[in-house]
Amino acid sequence: MKAWRAETFGKPSDVLKLVDIDVPVPGPGEALLRVLATNIGLPDRMMLEGRYFLTPTPPVTPGQEVVGIVEVAGPGYPFPVGTRVIGGANSGGLAEYCLSSGDGAVPAADDMSDEQAAAFLGTFHVAYVGLVNRARAKSGETLLVLGGTGGTGSTAIRLAKALGLNVITTVRDAKKAAFCREQGADHVIELETGSMSEQVRALTGGKGADIVYDTVGSPLVEQALDAIAIGGRYVLIGFAGGSDFPEIEPFKILIHGISVTGALHSVRTPDERDEAITVLGRLFSEGKITVPIDRVVSFTDVPEALERLGGGVNGKLIARVSHPGPGPTL
């Protein structure tokens, strides 16, 4: 099968090569998926550059999240052969086939395109875990999204508005502000214009944000702590602004009177998963949420797409790997 692979760390366009490798064999709880489309995210570029904590050594096949058809189901995998599923890619999703764990995987809704489905799990399902299951968001509360133009931040804005929250988000500069407003943000803070925490306090009558949804990490964490309300909830999502999650000292949690939690679609109860599938499916069918897609690229254009990550993308990049119907010969 064809797969994008890097044997060394470096610039994506320099190290990533399209190679022929063996089709992997699923183990217990896994399936072999024929990949239809793959979500391309900043962690994929970080993997190739050697600065992602989950990728200690090459070779690297990037692509963490896919939509695909179950070709072979290993023992204990929850969905039958032929199911179109959204799942994590254990062996790298920028390939014709990949291994995917049953943990966290969900069936793709019939009314959802491959392009939407490829990014839905790591955006809206993560946002649902963070906002609903962990932060217990209530209609009328104020959410501060750190990094509103990324795929995770922009979908958090959309879900929050569908849930009735007031949304403040941050952007690097004025060029990004219009995009966030298109997603539904009530207020957009341009970081180059002054103190973020002071602006959040001004917008909330001095109270601060009830919930912080942090996709950026270390560069903004101190200001975010100064911008959160007493009793607020701080949700850790990602670290687009660094190479690892920020460290929030217990003393700071104590003196700010807040709780800190994280959100992963693969870490939730079966009831939480089923509720999310139902609610998000309904919101999608009603047109209240969609993944903002910056661009869909062909499988051959993957290295170029990876080069655009890190500030040059609003929303998600999606790679079309194959089309429904018979796939490559196993």
Protein backbone atom coordinates (compact mmCIF):
# COMPACT_ATOMS: atom_id res chain seq x y z
CA MET A 1 0.00 0.00 0.00
CA LYS A 2 1.01 3.64 -0.43
CA ALA A 3 1.82 5.69 2.66
CA TRP A 4 3.52 8.98 3.46
CA ARG A 5 6.50 8.28 5.69
CA ALA A 6 9.49 10.14 7.09
CA GLU A 7 12.61 8.20 8.06
CA THR A 8 14.17 11.24 9.75
CA PHE A 9 12.88 14.39 11.44
CA GLY A 10 12.86 17.64 9.51
CA LYS A 11 10.86 19.97 7.30
CA PRO A 12 7.81 18.08 5.97
CA SER A 13 8.54 18.79 2.31
CA ASP A 14 12.12 17.54 2.78
CA VAL A 15 11.59 14.35 4.81
CA LEU A 16 8.15 13.06 3.81
CA LYS A 17 8.18 10.46 1.02
CA LEU A 18 5.39 8.43 -0.60
CA VAL A 19 6.47 4.81 -0.19
CA ASP A 20 5.14 1.27 -0.59
CA ILE A 21 4.80 -0.62 2.70
CA ASP A 22 3.01 -3.74 3.87
CA VAL A 23 -0.64 -3.54 4.85
CA PRO A 24 -0.78 -3.79 8.66
CA VAL A 25 -2.68 -6.54 10.45
CA PRO A 26 -5.18 -5.57 13.17
CA GLY A 27 -4.81 -6.93 16.67
CA PRO A 28 -7.43 -7.29 19.42
CA GLY A 29 -9.70 -4.25 19.61
CA GLU A 30 -8.39 -2.87 16.32
CA ALA A 31 -9.63 -2.70 12.74
CA LEU A 32 -7.93 -2.26 9.41
CA LEU A 33 -9.55 0.76 7.77
CA ARG A 34 -9.45 1.67 4.11
CA VAL A 35 -8.84 5.37 4.51
CA LEU A 36 -11.24 7.71 2.71
CA ALA A 37 -10.06 11.03 4.15
CA THR A 38 -7.59 12.15 6.81
CA ASN A 39 -7.56 15.17 9.08
CA ILE A 40 -4.24 17.05 8.84
CA GLY A 41 -3.42 18.89 12.06
CA LEU A 42 -0.59 20.79 13.68
CA PRO A 43 0.47 17.69 15.70
CA ASP A 44 1.26 16.00 12.37
CA ARG A 45 3.75 18.70 11.47
CA MET A 46 5.17 18.62 14.99
CA MET A 47 5.68 14.85 14.65
CA LEU A 48 7.70 15.29 11.49
CA GLU A 49 9.80 18.05 13.04
CA GLY A 50 10.59 15.90 16.10
CA ARG A 51 8.85 18.11 18.64
CA TYR A 52 5.77 16.07 19.45
CA PHE A 53 5.84 14.23 22.76
CA LEU A 54 4.12 11.10 21.41
CA THR A 55 6.62 10.56 18.59
CA PRO A 56 10.05 9.87 20.14
CA THR A 57 11.72 8.24 17.11
CA PRO A 58 11.19 7.88 13.33
CA PRO A 59 9.90 6.44 11.06
CA VAL A 60 6.77 8.59 11.14
CA THR A 61 3.55 8.29 9.18
CA PRO A 62 1.47 11.33 10.22
CA GLY A 63 -2.29 11.56 10.33
CA GLN A 64 -3.99 11.02 13.69
CA GLU A 65 -7.65 10.97 12.70
CA VAL A 66 -9.42 9.42 9.72
CA VAL A 67 -12.71 8.36 8.27
CA GLY A 68 -12.58 4.97 6.60
CA ILE A 69 -14.28 1.68 5.82
CA VAL A 70 -13.71 -1.31 8.12
CA GLU A 71 -11.95 -3.89 5.92
CA VAL A 72 -10.83 -6.32 8.64
CA ALA A 73 -12.08 -6.31 12.24
CA GLY A 74 -9.84 -7.74 14.93
CA PRO A 75 -11.22 -9.59 17.97
CA GLY A 76 -13.30 -7.28 20.12
CA TYR A 77 -13.54 -4.42 17.61
CA PRO A 78 -17.06 -2.95 18.07
CA PHE A 79 -18.14 -2.39 14.45
CA PRO A 80 -18.60 -4.89 11.59
CA VAL A 81 -16.76 -5.03 8.28
CA GLY A 82 -18.15 -2.46 5.85
CA THR A 83 -18.95 0.19 8.47
CA ARG A 84 -17.80 3.74 7.71
CA VAL A 85 -16.20 4.91 10.95
CA ILE A 86 -14.36 7.92 12.32
CA GLY A 87 -11.40 6.92 14.45
CA GLY A 88 -7.85 7.46 15.52
CA ALA A 89 -5.09 6.12 13.27
CA ASN A 90 -2.76 3.90 15.28
CA SER A 91 -0.40 3.35 12.36
CA GLY A 92 -0.72 6.78 10.70
CA GLY A 93 -3.68 7.94 8.66
CA LEU A 94 -1.90 9.44 5.67
CA ALA A 95 -1.88 6.04 4.02
CA GLU A 96 -4.23 3.92 1.93
CA TYR A 97 -4.91 1.68 4.94
CA CYS A 98 -4.36 2.17 8.65
CA LEU A 99 -4.99 0.45 11.97
CA SER A 100 -7.59 2.07 14.20
CA SER A 101 -8.58 1.25 17.77
CA GLY A 102 -12.19 0.67 18.73
CA ASP A 103 -11.70 2.92 21.77
CA GLY A 104 -13.04 6.33 20.84
CA ALA A 105 -14.20 5.31 17.35
CA VAL A 106 -17.74 6.22 16.26
CA PRO A 107 -19.80 5.40 13.16
CA ALA A 108 -19.92 8.21 10.59
CA ALA A 109 -23.42 9.58 10.12
CA ASP A 110 -25.00 8.90 6.73
CA ASP A 111 -25.62 12.61 6.09
CA MET A 112 -22.00 13.60 6.84
CA SER A 113 -19.46 13.86 4.02
CA ASP A 114 -16.06 12.19 4.30
CA GLU A 115 -14.43 15.62 4.50
CA GLN A 116 -16.59 16.65 7.47
CA ALA A 117 -16.29 13.24 9.12
CA ALA A 118 -12.48 13.14 8.92
CA ALA A 119 -12.17 15.99 11.43
CA PHE A 120 -15.38 15.58 13.43
CA LEU A 121 -14.02 13.34 16.18
CA GLY A 122 -11.04 15.48 17.18
CA THR A 123 -13.01 18.72 17.00
CA PHE A 124 -16.67 18.50 17.95
CA HIS A 125 -16.42 15.31 20.02
CA VAL A 126 -13.46 16.76 21.93
CA ALA A 127 -15.34 20.04 22.38
CA TYR A 128 -18.37 18.14 23.68
CA VAL A 129 -16.26 16.28 26.20
CA GLY A 130 -14.57 19.51 27.29
CA LEU A 131 -17.57 21.83 27.42
CA VAL A 132 -20.41 19.47 28.38
CA ASN A 133 -18.96 16.41 30.11
CA ARG A 134 -16.11 18.10 32.00
CA ALA A 135 -16.86 21.83 32.31
CA ARG A 136 -20.64 21.34 32.64
CA ALA A 137 -21.27 24.46 30.55
CA LYS A 138 -24.61 26.20 31.02
CA SER A 139 -26.47 28.42 28.60
CA GLY A 140 -25.62 32.07 29.27
CA GLU A 141 -22.13 31.41 30.62
CA THR A 142 -19.05 32.98 29.06
CA LEU A 143 -16.44 30.85 27.30
CA LEU A 144 -12.94 32.09 26.49
CA VAL A 145 -11.41 30.15 23.59
CA LEU A 146 -7.65 30.50 23.30
CA GLY A 147 -6.78 30.15 19.62
CA GLY A 148 -10.05 30.58 17.75
CA THR A 149 -8.78 30.09 14.21
CA GLY A 150 -7.46 26.55 14.62
CA GLY A 151 -9.57 23.49 13.92
CA THR A 152 -10.21 22.72 17.59
CA GLY A 153 -10.77 26.33 18.63
CA SER A 154 -13.09 27.24 15.77
CA THR A 155 -15.31 24.22 16.31
CA ALA A 156 -15.47 24.96 20.05
CA ILE A 157 -16.83 28.39 19.13
CA ARG A 158 -19.51 26.81 16.94
CA LEU A 159 -20.56 24.22 19.51
CA ALA A 160 -20.58 26.79 22.31
CA LYS A 161 -22.93 29.05 20.36
CA ALA A 162 -25.20 26.10 19.61
CA LEU A 163 -25.30 25.44 23.38
CA GLY A 164 -26.19 29.07 24.18
CA LEU A 165 -22.86 30.32 25.53
CA ASN A 166 -21.33 33.77 25.12
CA VAL A 167 -17.99 33.36 23.38
CA ILE A 168 -14.81 35.41 23.56
CA THR A 169 -11.86 34.20 21.52
CA THR A 170 -8.27 35.24 20.87
CA VAL A 171 -6.45 35.72 17.58
CA ARG A 172 -2.92 36.74 16.74
CA ASP A 173 -3.87 39.70 14.57
CA ALA A 174 -6.74 41.49 12.85
CA LYS A 175 -6.53 39.26 9.75
CA LYS A 176 -7.85 36.33 11.79
CA ALA A 177 -10.66 38.18 13.55
CA ALA A 178 -13.21 38.03 10.72
CA PHE A 179 -12.95 34.24 10.52
CA CYS A 180 -13.75 33.86 14.24
CA ARG A 181 -16.75 36.14 13.93
CA GLU A 182 -17.97 33.99 11.05
CA GLN A 183 -17.88 31.00 13.43
CA GLY A 184 -20.11 32.90 15.83
CA ALA A 185 -17.71 34.50 18.33
CA ASP A 186 -19.34 37.38 20.19
CA HIS A 187 -16.03 39.11 20.90
CA VAL A 188 -12.58 38.70 19.37
CA ILE A 189 -9.46 39.82 21.21
CA GLU A 190 -6.46 40.63 19.04
CA LEU A 191 -3.47 39.70 21.19
CA GLU A 192 -1.26 42.39 19.73
CA THR A 193 -3.61 45.16 20.95
CA GLY A 194 -3.05 44.80 24.70
CA SER A 195 -3.61 42.68 27.80
CA MET A 196 -5.91 39.75 27.13
CA SER A 197 -6.94 39.40 30.77
CA GLU A 198 -7.85 43.07 31.07
CA GLN A 199 -9.99 42.88 27.93
CA VAL A 200 -11.79 39.75 29.14
CA ARG A 201 -12.51 41.39 32.49
CA ALA A 202 -13.85 44.47 30.72
CA LEU A 203 -16.12 42.37 28.49
CA THR A 204 -17.53 40.44 31.47
CA GLY A 205 -18.11 43.34 33.85
CA GLY A 206 -15.06 42.37 35.89
CA LYS A 207 -16.20 38.79 36.56
CA GLY A 208 -14.00 36.94 34.08
CA ALA A 209 -14.72 33.93 31.88
CA ASP A 210 -16.64 31.02 33.36
CA ILE A 211 -14.74 28.54 31.17
CA VAL A 212 -11.35 28.70 29.44
CA TYR A 213 -10.86 26.35 26.47
CA ASP A 214 -7.11 26.29 25.91
CA THR A 215 -5.78 25.08 22.56
CA VAL A 216 -2.62 27.25 22.74
CA GLY A 217 -0.81 26.39 25.97
CA SER A 218 2.13 28.09 27.64
CA PRO A 219 2.20 31.47 25.84
CA LEU A 220 -1.27 32.43 27.13
CA VAL A 221 -1.80 30.39 30.29
CA GLU A 222 -0.82 33.11 32.78
CA GLN A 223 -3.07 35.70 31.18
CA ALA A 224 -5.87 33.15 30.97
CA LEU A 225 -5.58 32.43 34.68
CA ASP A 226 -5.94 36.15 35.33
CA ALA A 227 -9.01 36.21 33.05
CA ILE A 228 -10.96 33.32 34.60
CA ALA A 229 -13.80 33.83 37.07
CA ILE A 230 -13.76 32.53 40.62
CA GLY A 231 -15.12 29.01 40.40
CA GLY A 232 -14.23 28.87 36.72
CA ARG A 233 -13.24 25.77 34.79
CA TYR A 234 -10.00 25.58 32.81
CA VAL A 235 -10.11 22.96 30.03
CA LEU A 236 -6.76 21.80 28.60
CA ILE A 237 -7.03 20.85 24.93
CA GLY A 238 -3.71 21.37 23.16
CA PHE A 239 -0.47 23.30 22.93
CA ALA A 240 -0.37 24.96 19.52
CA GLY A 241 1.83 27.68 20.99
CA GLY A 242 4.54 25.33 22.31
CA SER A 243 5.76 21.75 22.36
CA ASP A 244 3.95 20.40 25.43
CA PHE A 245 1.00 21.05 27.71
CA PRO A 246 1.35 23.98 30.13
CA GLU A 247 1.98 23.32 33.79
CA ILE A 248 -0.54 24.93 36.13
CA GLU A 249 0.70 24.86 39.70
CA PRO A 250 -1.72 23.61 42.37
CA PHE A 251 -1.15 26.86 44.30
CA LYS A 252 -2.49 28.86 41.35
CA ILE A 253 -5.53 26.60 41.14
CA LEU A 254 -6.06 27.30 44.85
CA ILE A 255 -5.68 31.07 44.79
CA HIS A 256 -7.84 31.47 41.66
CA GLY A 257 -10.50 29.13 43.04
CA ILE A 258 -10.80 27.16 39.80
CA SER A 259 -10.82 23.59 38.56
CA VAL A 260 -8.59 22.26 35.79
CA THR A 261 -9.54 19.38 33.54
CA GLY A 262 -8.68 17.89 30.17
CA ALA A 263 -10.70 16.59 27.24
CA LEU A 264 -10.09 13.61 24.97
CA HIS A 265 -12.68 11.84 22.86
CA SER A 266 -11.05 8.53 23.81
CA VAL A 267 -11.43 9.17 27.56
CA ARG A 268 -15.16 9.15 28.32
CA THR A 269 -17.78 6.72 29.50
CA PRO A 270 -19.95 4.77 27.04
CA ASP A 271 -22.94 6.87 28.15
CA GLU A 272 -21.02 10.10 27.47
CA ARG A 273 -20.01 8.80 24.03
CA ASP A 274 -23.54 7.77 23.10
CA GLU A 275 -24.97 11.09 24.27
CA ALA A 276 -22.40 12.99 22.20
CA ILE A 277 -23.16 10.94 19.09
CA THR A 278 -26.87 11.71 19.47
CA VAL A 279 -26.59 15.41 20.30
CA LEU A 280 -23.83 16.25 17.83
CA GLY A 281 -25.55 14.25 15.09
CA ARG A 282 -28.76 16.22 15.66
CA LEU A 283 -26.95 19.58 15.68
CA PHE A 284 -25.13 18.66 12.47
CA SER A 285 -28.31 17.53 10.73
CA GLU A 286 -30.00 20.77 11.77
CA GLY A 287 -27.12 22.76 10.26
CA LYS A 288 -26.14 24.28 13.61
CA ILE A 289 -22.58 22.88 13.56
CA THR A 290 -20.17 22.12 10.71
CA VAL A 291 -16.41 21.73 10.63
CA PRO A 292 -14.89 24.85 9.03
CA ILE A 293 -12.64 23.47 6.30
CA ASP A 294 -9.87 25.65 4.95
CA ARG A 295 -8.95 23.32 2.10
CA VAL A 296 -9.29 19.74 0.88
CA VAL A 297 -6.09 18.46 -0.74
CA SER A 298 -5.33 15.40 -2.81
CA PHE A 299 -3.26 12.54 -1.41
CA THR A 300 -0.32 13.63 -3.55
CA ASP A 301 -0.36 17.18 -2.13
CA VAL A 302 0.05 16.19 1.53
CA PRO A 303 3.60 17.60 2.04
CA GLU A 304 2.54 21.02 0.71
CA ALA A 305 -0.49 21.02 3.02
CA LEU A 306 1.65 20.23 6.07
CA GLU A 307 3.88 23.20 5.25
CA ARG A 308 0.87 25.52 5.57
CA LEU A 309 0.18 24.57 9.19
CA GLY A 310 1.18 26.80 12.07
CA GLY A 311 -0.69 30.03 11.46
CA GLY A 312 -1.50 29.89 7.76
CA VAL A 313 -4.72 27.88 8.10
CA ASN A 314 -8.19 28.89 9.31
CA GLY A 315 -10.12 25.79 10.35
CA LYS A 316 -9.12 22.35 9.10
CA LEU A 317 -7.04 20.85 6.33
CA ILE A 318 -8.35 17.55 4.97
CA ALA A 319 -6.56 15.07 2.68
CA ARG A 320 -8.74 13.03 0.32
CA VAL A 321 -7.05 9.60 0.28
CA SER A 322 -9.55 7.44 -1.64
CA HIS A 323 -13.19 7.37 -2.67
CA PRO A 324 -16.08 5.08 -1.72
CA GLY A 325 -16.15 1.86 -3.70
CA PRO A 326 -13.56 -0.87 -4.20
CA GLY A 327 -10.18 0.14 -2.83
CA PRO A 328 -6.61 -0.91 -3.60
CA THR A 329 -5.92 -4.64 -3.54
CA LEU A 330 -4.91 -5.84 -0.09
